[in-house]
Amino acid sequence: MGLFDFFKKKPTKTIAVEILYPSSWENGMPPVKVVAIEILQPTPGKAVDIALPKVDTLETETETETETETETETETETENASEKLDTGLKKTKKTWSERWNAFMANFRSVDEDFFDDLEETLIGADVGAQTAMQLTDELRDEVKLQNAKSKQDVSKVIVDKLVDLYRSQGVNEDASMHFAPEGPTVILLVGVNGVGKTTTIGKLSAYYKNAGKKVVLAAADTFRAGATEQLVAWGERNDIPVITGSSKADPASVVFDGVKTAIDTQADILFVDTAGRLQNNVNLMQELSKMKRIITRELPNEPQEVLLTLDATTGQNAVQQAKLFKDSTDVTGIVLTKLDGTAKGGIILPIRNELHLPVKWVGLGEKVTDIQPFEANDFAKSLFGSLLTESK
C-alpha cells in the first residue's frame, strides 16, 4: 500500500435491513422490503468536542423542577376556603334560589296568605317545622316594622333577616375545638352507620397532622365489617399509626390500648372511631359510656370532644339522630358531612336552633382536604349571597 493510499476514500459498505410490516396491507404487499443504509466512517481530523453537562447541574435542575411542581400542586390543592364552601353548597344554593324565586313570583301583597306560603317555603328548604314557624313569626314582625310593601322591599327584609338569624346562632355558640394544654386530647366520632365517621376521621387526622400535631387513631368500631380495615387504610394513607383489635373485640379494650399508646408516644390527639348501629340501641349507648369512663380514668383532667357525625343528605332524619344522641351522650359538636352532594344544606339551621349544638366541621367533598371548620358568617354569605344581590 502506497504512502498516500490511506487517505484515499474507501468504498462505502452498505448493509441490508429488512423492515418488518404487519401481515395485512390494503394492497396486499408492503411498498418496500429492503433498504440500503450507508455505514458512516470516521474521518481523520474531523473530531468534534461535545460538552457534556455536569452531574451537579442536572441534579440542581431536577430539584428545582420538582420543587416547582410541588408548589404548583400545593397551590392547586389549597383552594380558598370560601371558594370551596361556595362549591360545596352549590346544590343547596340552587334549591334555595329556585324556591325563593318561585315564592316571590306569586307575590301580590303582604297578608296572612303570604306568610303561610313563606312558612311552607321554609319547611320545603329543610329548616324544619319548628324553626320555620319561629322564622315566620319574626319575619312577620320585621316586615311590619320596616313597613315593607313592594316585592323588592319585602324580599330584602326577609333575606336580610334569614342571614342575620344564621349568623346570630353562633354568637353564644362554642364552635371551637378544645385541646389539652399537655398530654393527648381524645376526640370520639359517634353517629349511625353510613354517615361518614371513618372518612371524617381520616380527613381530620390529616388536617391536624398537617398542622403539626402528632396523631394516633383507634379503630373501636369492631362490629361493622370492614370498619377496621377502612381506618387502617386511612392511617397508611396519612402515615398515622392505628390501634386495632380483633374482630368482635370489646371496643372499650381498643380505646384503652389507644389511650395508653397516645400517652406513651406523647401524641397530641387520639381519634376514636366508634360503632354506629341503630341510634336508639341501648347497647351502643352503653358502649359509648364505657369508653368515656375508660378515657376519664386514664386522663381525668383532660378535655374530650365527642363529635356527632351527621349526613346532610338525610335532611330531617339528621335532626332526629342528633336529638337521640344528645339525650344519650355528651355531644360537644356536630360534623355535617356530604354537603356537596345534597340540596339540604339548610338543615344546619334547625340543628343549631332547636338542639343548641354547634356545627364545628363541614364536609364538602371526597378529597382528604374537603373538610373545614364551620363559620356561620361565611356559610350565610355563601348560601344567601345570590339572593341578597337579587333583592337589592
Protein backbone atom coordinates (compact mmCIF):
# COMPACT_ATOMS: atom_id res chain seq x y z
CA MET A 1 0.00 0.00 0.00
CA GLY A 2 1.41 3.38 -1.05
CA LEU A 3 2.13 6.23 1.34
CA PHE A 4 -1.00 8.20 0.38
CA ASP A 5 -3.31 5.23 -0.11
CA PHE A 6 -4.54 5.60 3.46
CA PHE A 7 -6.14 8.97 2.67
CA LYS A 8 -7.96 7.78 -0.40
CA LYS A 9 -11.70 7.45 0.02
CA LYS A 10 -12.53 3.90 0.69
CA PRO A 11 -15.59 2.27 -0.82
CA THR A 12 -18.62 2.68 1.45
CA LYS A 13 -20.07 -0.51 2.76
CA THR A 14 -23.77 -0.98 2.99
CA ILE A 15 -25.87 -3.39 4.94
CA ALA A 16 -29.28 -4.68 4.11
CA VAL A 17 -32.03 -4.06 6.67
CA GLU A 18 -35.27 -5.90 6.40
CA ILE A 19 -38.28 -3.87 7.60
CA LEU A 20 -41.00 -5.91 9.24
CA TYR A 21 -44.54 -4.82 8.47
CA PRO A 22 -47.93 -6.02 9.68
CA SER A 23 -49.08 -9.16 7.92
CA SER A 24 -52.06 -7.48 6.26
CA TRP A 25 -51.95 -4.45 3.95
CA GLU A 26 -54.65 -2.80 1.90
CA ASN A 27 -52.82 -3.51 -1.37
CA GLY A 28 -51.63 -6.88 -0.18
CA MET A 29 -47.88 -6.07 -0.15
CA PRO A 30 -45.64 -3.63 1.70
CA PRO A 31 -44.21 -0.85 -0.52
CA VAL A 32 -40.55 -1.70 0.25
CA LYS A 33 -38.98 -4.86 1.59
CA VAL A 34 -35.30 -3.95 1.83
CA VAL A 35 -33.43 -0.67 2.07
CA ALA A 36 -29.70 0.03 1.99
CA ILE A 37 -28.21 2.02 4.83
CA GLU A 38 -24.77 3.61 4.49
CA ILE A 39 -22.39 2.96 7.34
CA LEU A 40 -20.73 6.22 8.31
CA GLN A 41 -16.94 6.10 8.52
CA PRO A 42 -14.89 8.27 10.87
CA THR A 43 -12.93 10.98 9.09
CA PRO A 44 -9.49 11.79 10.48
CA GLY A 45 -9.11 15.35 11.70
CA LYS A 46 -12.89 15.97 11.86
CA ALA A 47 -13.48 15.17 15.50
CA VAL A 48 -15.91 17.47 17.34
CA ASP A 49 -15.80 18.19 21.07
CA ILE A 50 -19.12 17.62 22.82
CA ALA A 51 -19.60 19.46 26.09
CA LEU A 52 -21.48 17.20 28.47
CA PRO A 53 -23.47 18.83 31.29
CA LYS A 54 -22.10 18.41 34.78
CA VAL A 55 -23.88 16.00 37.12
CA ASP A 56 -24.39 18.71 39.74
CA THR A 57 -26.21 20.90 37.22
CA LEU A 58 -28.56 18.11 36.28
CA GLU A 59 -29.38 17.40 39.92
CA THR A 60 -29.99 21.09 40.62
CA GLU A 61 -32.30 21.45 37.65
CA THR A 62 -34.19 18.31 38.63
CA GLU A 63 -34.58 19.51 42.20
CA THR A 64 -35.79 22.91 41.02
CA GLU A 65 -38.34 21.32 38.70
CA THR A 66 -39.55 19.04 41.49
CA GLU A 67 -39.91 21.95 43.90
CA THR A 68 -41.82 23.96 41.30
CA GLU A 69 -44.14 21.02 40.58
CA THR A 70 -44.73 20.53 44.32
CA GLU A 71 -45.54 24.22 44.80
CA THR A 72 -47.97 24.11 41.88
CA GLU A 73 -49.68 21.01 43.26
CA THR A 74 -49.94 22.65 46.69
CA GLU A 75 -51.47 25.80 45.23
CA THR A 76 -53.96 23.70 43.29
CA GLU A 77 -54.94 21.60 46.31
CA THR A 78 -55.06 24.52 48.73
CA GLU A 79 -58.20 26.05 47.37
CA ASN A 80 -59.53 29.15 49.05
CA ALA A 81 -61.85 28.15 51.91
CA SER A 82 -64.69 30.42 50.77
CA GLU A 83 -64.44 29.12 47.20
CA LYS A 84 -64.55 25.55 48.48
CA LEU A 85 -67.61 26.41 50.57
CA ASP A 86 -69.31 28.01 47.57
CA THR A 87 -68.63 24.90 45.51
CA GLY A 88 -69.80 22.56 48.28
CA LEU A 89 -73.07 24.47 48.74
CA LYS A 90 -73.81 24.67 45.02
CA LYS A 91 -76.82 22.34 45.12
CA THR A 92 -78.24 23.89 48.27
CA LYS A 93 -77.86 27.42 46.91
CA LYS A 94 -79.55 26.42 43.67
CA THR A 95 -82.51 24.94 45.54
CA TRP A 96 -82.82 27.95 47.84
CA SER A 97 -82.73 30.32 44.89
CA GLU A 98 -85.29 28.34 42.89
CA ARG A 99 -87.67 28.04 45.83
CA TRP A 100 -87.31 31.68 46.71
CA ASN A 101 -87.82 32.92 43.16
CA ALA A 102 -90.88 30.68 42.74
CA PHE A 103 -92.27 32.00 46.04
CA MET A 104 -91.71 35.67 45.19
CA ALA A 105 -93.06 35.20 41.65
CA ASN A 106 -96.52 34.80 43.19
CA PHE A 107 -96.17 37.90 45.37
CA ARG A 108 -99.27 40.08 45.41
CA SER A 109 -99.38 41.68 48.83
CA VAL A 110 -98.19 41.20 52.40
CA ASP A 111 -101.05 39.33 54.04
CA GLU A 112 -101.61 36.13 56.01
CA ASP A 113 -101.64 34.02 52.84
CA PHE A 114 -98.21 35.41 52.02
CA PHE A 115 -96.80 34.34 55.40
CA ASP A 116 -98.48 30.92 55.17
CA ASP A 117 -96.75 30.38 51.82
CA LEU A 118 -93.49 31.64 53.31
CA GLU A 119 -93.72 29.08 56.10
CA GLU A 120 -94.28 26.28 53.59
CA THR A 121 -91.32 27.51 51.54
CA LEU A 122 -89.05 27.46 54.58
CA ILE A 123 -90.18 23.97 55.55
CA GLY A 124 -89.50 22.84 52.00
CA ALA A 125 -85.99 24.26 52.34
CA ASP A 126 -85.30 21.83 55.21
CA VAL A 127 -85.25 24.35 58.03
CA GLY A 128 -87.77 22.23 59.94
CA ALA A 129 -91.35 22.96 61.02
CA GLN A 130 -90.44 24.40 64.43
CA THR A 131 -87.78 26.71 63.04
CA ALA A 132 -89.99 27.66 60.07
CA MET A 133 -92.82 28.77 62.37
CA GLN A 134 -90.42 30.76 64.55
CA LEU A 135 -88.87 32.35 61.49
CA THR A 136 -92.24 33.27 60.00
CA ASP A 137 -93.35 34.98 63.21
CA GLU A 138 -90.14 37.00 63.35
CA LEU A 139 -90.36 37.90 59.67
CA ARG A 140 -93.99 38.98 60.02
CA ASP A 141 -92.95 41.44 62.73
CA GLU A 142 -89.90 42.62 60.78
CA VAL A 143 -91.87 43.32 57.58
CA LYS A 144 -94.41 45.34 59.54
CA LEU A 145 -91.71 47.16 61.48
CA GLN A 146 -89.98 48.29 58.32
CA ASN A 147 -93.28 48.94 56.54
CA ALA A 148 -92.12 46.92 53.55
CA LYS A 149 -94.81 46.64 50.88
CA SER A 150 -93.19 46.33 47.49
CA LYS A 151 -91.92 42.99 46.24
CA GLN A 152 -88.32 44.18 46.27
CA ASP A 153 -88.51 45.66 49.79
CA VAL A 154 -90.23 42.58 51.23
CA SER A 155 -87.67 40.28 49.62
CA LYS A 156 -84.78 42.28 51.02
CA VAL A 157 -86.23 42.39 54.55
CA ILE A 158 -86.81 38.65 54.64
CA VAL A 159 -83.44 37.65 53.15
CA ASP A 160 -81.60 40.04 55.48
CA LYS A 161 -83.44 38.52 58.42
CA LEU A 162 -82.53 35.00 57.33
CA VAL A 163 -78.87 35.96 57.06
CA ASP A 164 -78.94 37.61 60.48
CA LEU A 165 -80.56 34.54 62.00
CA TYR A 166 -77.91 32.22 60.59
CA ARG A 167 -75.18 34.48 61.88
CA SER A 168 -76.74 35.18 65.27
CA GLN A 169 -76.98 31.48 66.08
CA GLY A 170 -73.23 31.43 66.52
CA VAL A 171 -72.94 34.39 68.90
CA ASN A 172 -73.17 32.35 72.10
CA GLU A 173 -72.06 29.13 70.44
CA ASP A 174 -68.76 27.45 71.22
CA ALA A 175 -67.73 26.03 67.86
CA SER A 176 -64.03 25.78 68.69
CA MET A 177 -62.13 22.56 69.31
CA HIS A 178 -60.74 22.14 72.83
CA PHE A 179 -57.29 20.68 73.39
CA ALA A 180 -55.36 19.71 76.47
CA PRO A 181 -52.52 22.06 77.45
CA GLU A 182 -50.35 18.94 77.71
CA GLY A 183 -50.89 15.27 77.01
CA PRO A 184 -53.24 13.76 74.43
CA THR A 185 -56.70 15.06 73.67
CA VAL A 186 -59.25 12.34 72.89
CA ILE A 187 -61.80 13.01 70.14
CA LEU A 188 -64.60 10.48 69.73
CA LEU A 189 -66.56 10.30 66.49
CA VAL A 190 -70.11 8.99 67.02
CA GLY A 191 -73.06 8.52 64.71
CA VAL A 192 -75.03 5.87 62.86
CA ASN A 193 -73.51 3.69 60.17
CA GLY A 194 -73.10 5.26 56.76
CA VAL A 195 -72.83 8.91 57.78
CA GLY A 196 -69.09 9.07 57.13
CA LYS A 197 -67.48 8.73 60.58
CA THR A 198 -64.40 6.82 59.42
CA THR A 199 -63.87 9.07 56.41
CA THR A 200 -64.23 12.12 58.64
CA ILE A 201 -61.56 10.75 60.99
CA GLY A 202 -59.29 10.25 58.01
CA LYS A 203 -59.78 13.85 56.91
CA LEU A 204 -59.50 15.36 60.40
CA SER A 205 -56.38 13.34 61.23
CA ALA A 206 -54.71 14.60 58.03
CA TYR A 207 -55.85 18.15 58.84
CA TYR A 208 -54.25 18.13 62.28
CA LYS A 209 -51.13 16.26 61.19
CA ASN A 210 -50.54 18.94 58.56
CA ALA A 211 -50.97 21.48 61.37
CA GLY A 212 -48.04 19.87 63.19
CA LYS A 213 -49.95 17.65 65.62
CA LYS A 214 -48.92 14.09 66.45
CA VAL A 215 -51.97 11.91 65.85
CA VAL A 216 -53.00 8.35 66.74
CA LEU A 217 -56.16 6.52 65.61
CA ALA A 218 -58.14 3.85 67.46
CA ALA A 219 -60.41 1.51 65.48
CA ALA A 220 -63.08 0.91 68.13
CA ASP A 221 -65.81 0.04 65.62
CA THR A 222 -65.14 -3.68 65.88
CA PHE A 223 -68.62 -4.80 64.82
CA ARG A 224 -69.07 -3.35 61.32
CA ALA A 225 -67.44 -5.49 58.66
CA GLY A 226 -64.51 -3.69 57.09
CA ALA A 227 -64.54 -0.74 59.51
CA THR A 228 -61.13 -1.53 60.98
CA GLU A 229 -59.62 -2.15 57.55
CA GLN A 230 -61.02 1.16 56.31
CA LEU A 231 -59.45 3.09 59.18
CA VAL A 232 -56.14 1.26 58.73
CA ALA A 233 -56.18 2.30 55.06
CA TRP A 234 -56.64 5.93 56.12
CA GLY A 235 -53.78 5.55 58.60
CA GLU A 236 -51.47 4.20 55.91
CA ARG A 237 -52.52 6.95 53.54
CA ASN A 238 -51.75 9.68 56.07
CA ASP A 239 -48.82 7.85 57.70
CA ILE A 240 -50.57 7.78 61.08
CA PRO A 241 -50.50 4.79 63.49
CA VAL A 242 -53.76 2.91 64.04
CA ILE A 243 -54.56 0.86 67.15
CA THR A 244 -56.75 -2.13 66.29
CA GLY A 245 -58.35 -5.11 67.99
CA SER A 246 -59.63 -8.44 66.77
CA SER A 247 -62.99 -8.74 65.05
CA LYS A 248 -65.89 -8.51 67.54
CA ALA A 249 -63.46 -7.47 70.28
CA ASP A 250 -64.63 -5.28 73.13
CA PRO A 251 -64.50 -1.72 71.71
CA ALA A 252 -63.56 -0.37 75.12
CA SER A 253 -60.40 -2.51 75.13
CA VAL A 254 -59.32 -0.89 71.85
CA VAL A 255 -59.95 2.53 73.36
CA PHE A 256 -57.85 1.59 76.38
CA ASP A 257 -54.96 0.47 74.17
CA GLY A 258 -55.36 3.64 72.12
CA VAL A 259 -55.20 5.90 75.17
CA LYS A 260 -52.15 4.06 76.51
CA THR A 261 -50.39 4.33 73.15
CA ALA A 262 -51.23 8.03 72.86
CA ILE A 263 -49.79 8.67 76.34
CA ASP A 264 -46.67 6.52 75.80
CA THR A 265 -45.88 8.08 72.41
CA GLN A 266 -46.68 11.61 73.63
CA ALA A 267 -49.31 12.07 70.94
CA ASP A 268 -51.32 15.29 70.79
CA ILE A 269 -54.60 13.79 69.56
CA LEU A 270 -56.27 10.39 69.72
CA PHE A 271 -59.19 9.95 67.32
CA VAL A 272 -61.59 7.14 68.22
CA ASP A 273 -63.85 5.56 65.61
CA THR A 274 -66.94 4.13 67.35
CA ALA A 275 -69.66 1.68 66.38
CA GLY A 276 -72.74 3.08 64.69
CA ARG A 277 -75.59 0.66 64.94
CA LEU A 278 -79.13 1.97 65.38
CA GLN A 279 -79.00 5.25 67.23
CA ASN A 280 -81.63 4.08 69.74
CA ASN A 281 -79.77 0.85 70.51
CA VAL A 282 -79.23 0.75 74.28
CA ASN A 283 -76.08 -1.38 73.98
CA LEU A 284 -74.49 1.18 71.70
CA MET A 285 -75.02 3.96 74.20
CA GLN A 286 -73.70 1.75 77.00
CA GLU A 287 -70.56 1.12 74.94
CA LEU A 288 -70.05 4.84 74.46
CA SER A 289 -70.44 5.42 78.20
CA LYS A 290 -67.93 2.67 78.94
CA MET A 291 -65.43 4.21 76.53
CA LYS A 292 -65.78 7.60 78.18
CA ARG A 293 -65.25 6.08 81.65
CA ILE A 294 -62.02 4.48 80.49
CA ILE A 295 -60.80 7.72 78.93
CA THR A 296 -61.68 9.72 82.05
CA ARG A 297 -59.91 7.19 84.28
CA GLU A 298 -56.69 7.44 82.28
CA LEU A 299 -56.93 11.17 81.51
CA PRO A 300 -59.07 12.60 84.33
CA ASN A 301 -58.25 16.26 83.80
CA GLU A 302 -58.12 16.43 80.02
CA PRO A 303 -60.86 17.82 77.77
CA GLN A 304 -62.69 15.45 75.47
CA GLU A 305 -64.54 16.14 72.26
CA VAL A 306 -67.50 13.99 71.21
CA LEU A 307 -68.32 14.87 67.63
CA LEU A 308 -71.61 13.63 66.25
CA THR A 309 -71.33 12.92 62.54
CA LEU A 310 -74.49 13.62 60.53
CA ASP A 311 -75.18 13.04 56.85
CA ALA A 312 -76.60 16.24 55.34
CA THR A 313 -78.33 14.27 52.58
CA THR A 314 -80.74 12.74 55.13
CA GLY A 315 -82.34 16.11 55.92
CA GLN A 316 -84.72 15.99 58.87
CA ASN A 317 -83.59 12.47 59.78
CA ALA A 318 -80.27 14.03 60.76
CA VAL A 319 -82.08 16.23 63.28
CA GLN A 320 -83.79 13.20 64.81
CA GLN A 321 -80.48 11.36 65.08
CA ALA A 322 -78.94 14.39 66.76
CA LYS A 323 -81.75 14.52 69.33
CA LEU A 324 -81.32 10.84 70.24
CA PHE A 325 -77.55 11.04 70.56
CA LYS A 326 -77.73 14.28 72.54
CA ASP A 327 -80.09 12.63 75.02
CA SER A 328 -77.81 9.61 75.38
CA THR A 329 -74.28 11.00 75.40
CA ASP A 330 -72.42 14.27 75.91
CA VAL A 331 -72.14 15.54 72.35
CA THR A 332 -69.89 18.59 72.13
CA GLY A 333 -70.34 19.37 68.45
CA ILE A 334 -71.57 18.33 65.01
CA VAL A 335 -69.72 17.31 61.86
CA LEU A 336 -72.08 17.72 58.91
CA THR A 337 -70.87 15.58 56.01
CA LYS A 338 -71.72 15.33 52.30
CA LEU A 339 -72.90 18.93 51.94
CA ASP A 340 -71.62 18.91 48.36
CA GLY A 341 -73.94 16.05 47.43
CA THR A 342 -77.24 17.46 48.67
CA ALA A 343 -79.63 20.38 48.35
CA LYS A 344 -80.46 20.08 52.06
CA GLY A 345 -77.71 22.25 53.50
CA GLY A 346 -80.39 24.32 55.21
CA ILE A 347 -80.54 21.56 57.82
CA ILE A 348 -77.77 23.39 59.68
CA LEU A 349 -80.27 25.96 60.94
CA PRO A 350 -82.63 23.62 62.86
CA ILE A 351 -79.66 21.66 64.22
CA ARG A 352 -78.27 24.81 65.79
CA ASN A 353 -81.61 26.47 66.55
CA GLU A 354 -83.50 23.53 68.04
CA LEU A 355 -80.74 21.40 69.52
CA HIS A 356 -78.34 24.17 70.53
CA LEU A 357 -75.43 22.10 69.31
CA PRO A 358 -72.59 23.85 67.48
CA VAL A 359 -71.70 22.68 63.99
CA LYS A 360 -67.90 22.51 64.21
CA TRP A 361 -66.96 20.97 60.86
CA VAL A 362 -68.49 20.59 57.42
CA GLY A 363 -67.55 18.01 54.80
CA LEU A 364 -67.58 19.40 51.27
CA GLY A 365 -66.29 16.60 49.05
CA GLU A 366 -64.41 13.33 48.76
CA LYS A 367 -60.81 14.59 48.82
CA VAL A 368 -58.86 14.40 52.07
CA THR A 369 -58.74 18.22 52.13
CA ASP A 370 -62.50 18.61 51.65
CA ILE A 371 -63.30 19.39 55.27
CA GLN A 372 -63.15 22.73 57.06
CA PRO A 373 -64.25 24.42 60.29
CA PHE A 374 -67.80 25.78 60.14
CA GLU A 375 -68.07 29.57 60.08
CA ALA A 376 -71.63 30.91 60.41
CA ASN A 377 -70.87 34.20 58.64
CA ASP A 378 -69.21 32.52 55.68
CA PHE A 379 -71.99 29.96 55.45
CA ALA A 380 -74.75 32.58 55.44
CA LYS A 381 -72.90 34.71 52.90
CA SER A 382 -72.39 31.74 50.60
CA LEU A 383 -75.93 30.37 50.97
CA PHE A 384 -77.82 33.65 50.55
CA GLY A 385 -75.30 35.68 48.59
CA SER A 386 -77.16 35.50 45.28
CA LEU A 387 -80.50 36.29 46.95
CA LEU A 388 -79.00 39.34 48.66
CA THR A 389 -77.79 40.60 45.29
CA GLU A 390 -81.16 40.00 43.65
CA SER A 391 -83.06 41.74 46.45
CA LYS A 392 -81.07 44.97 46.16
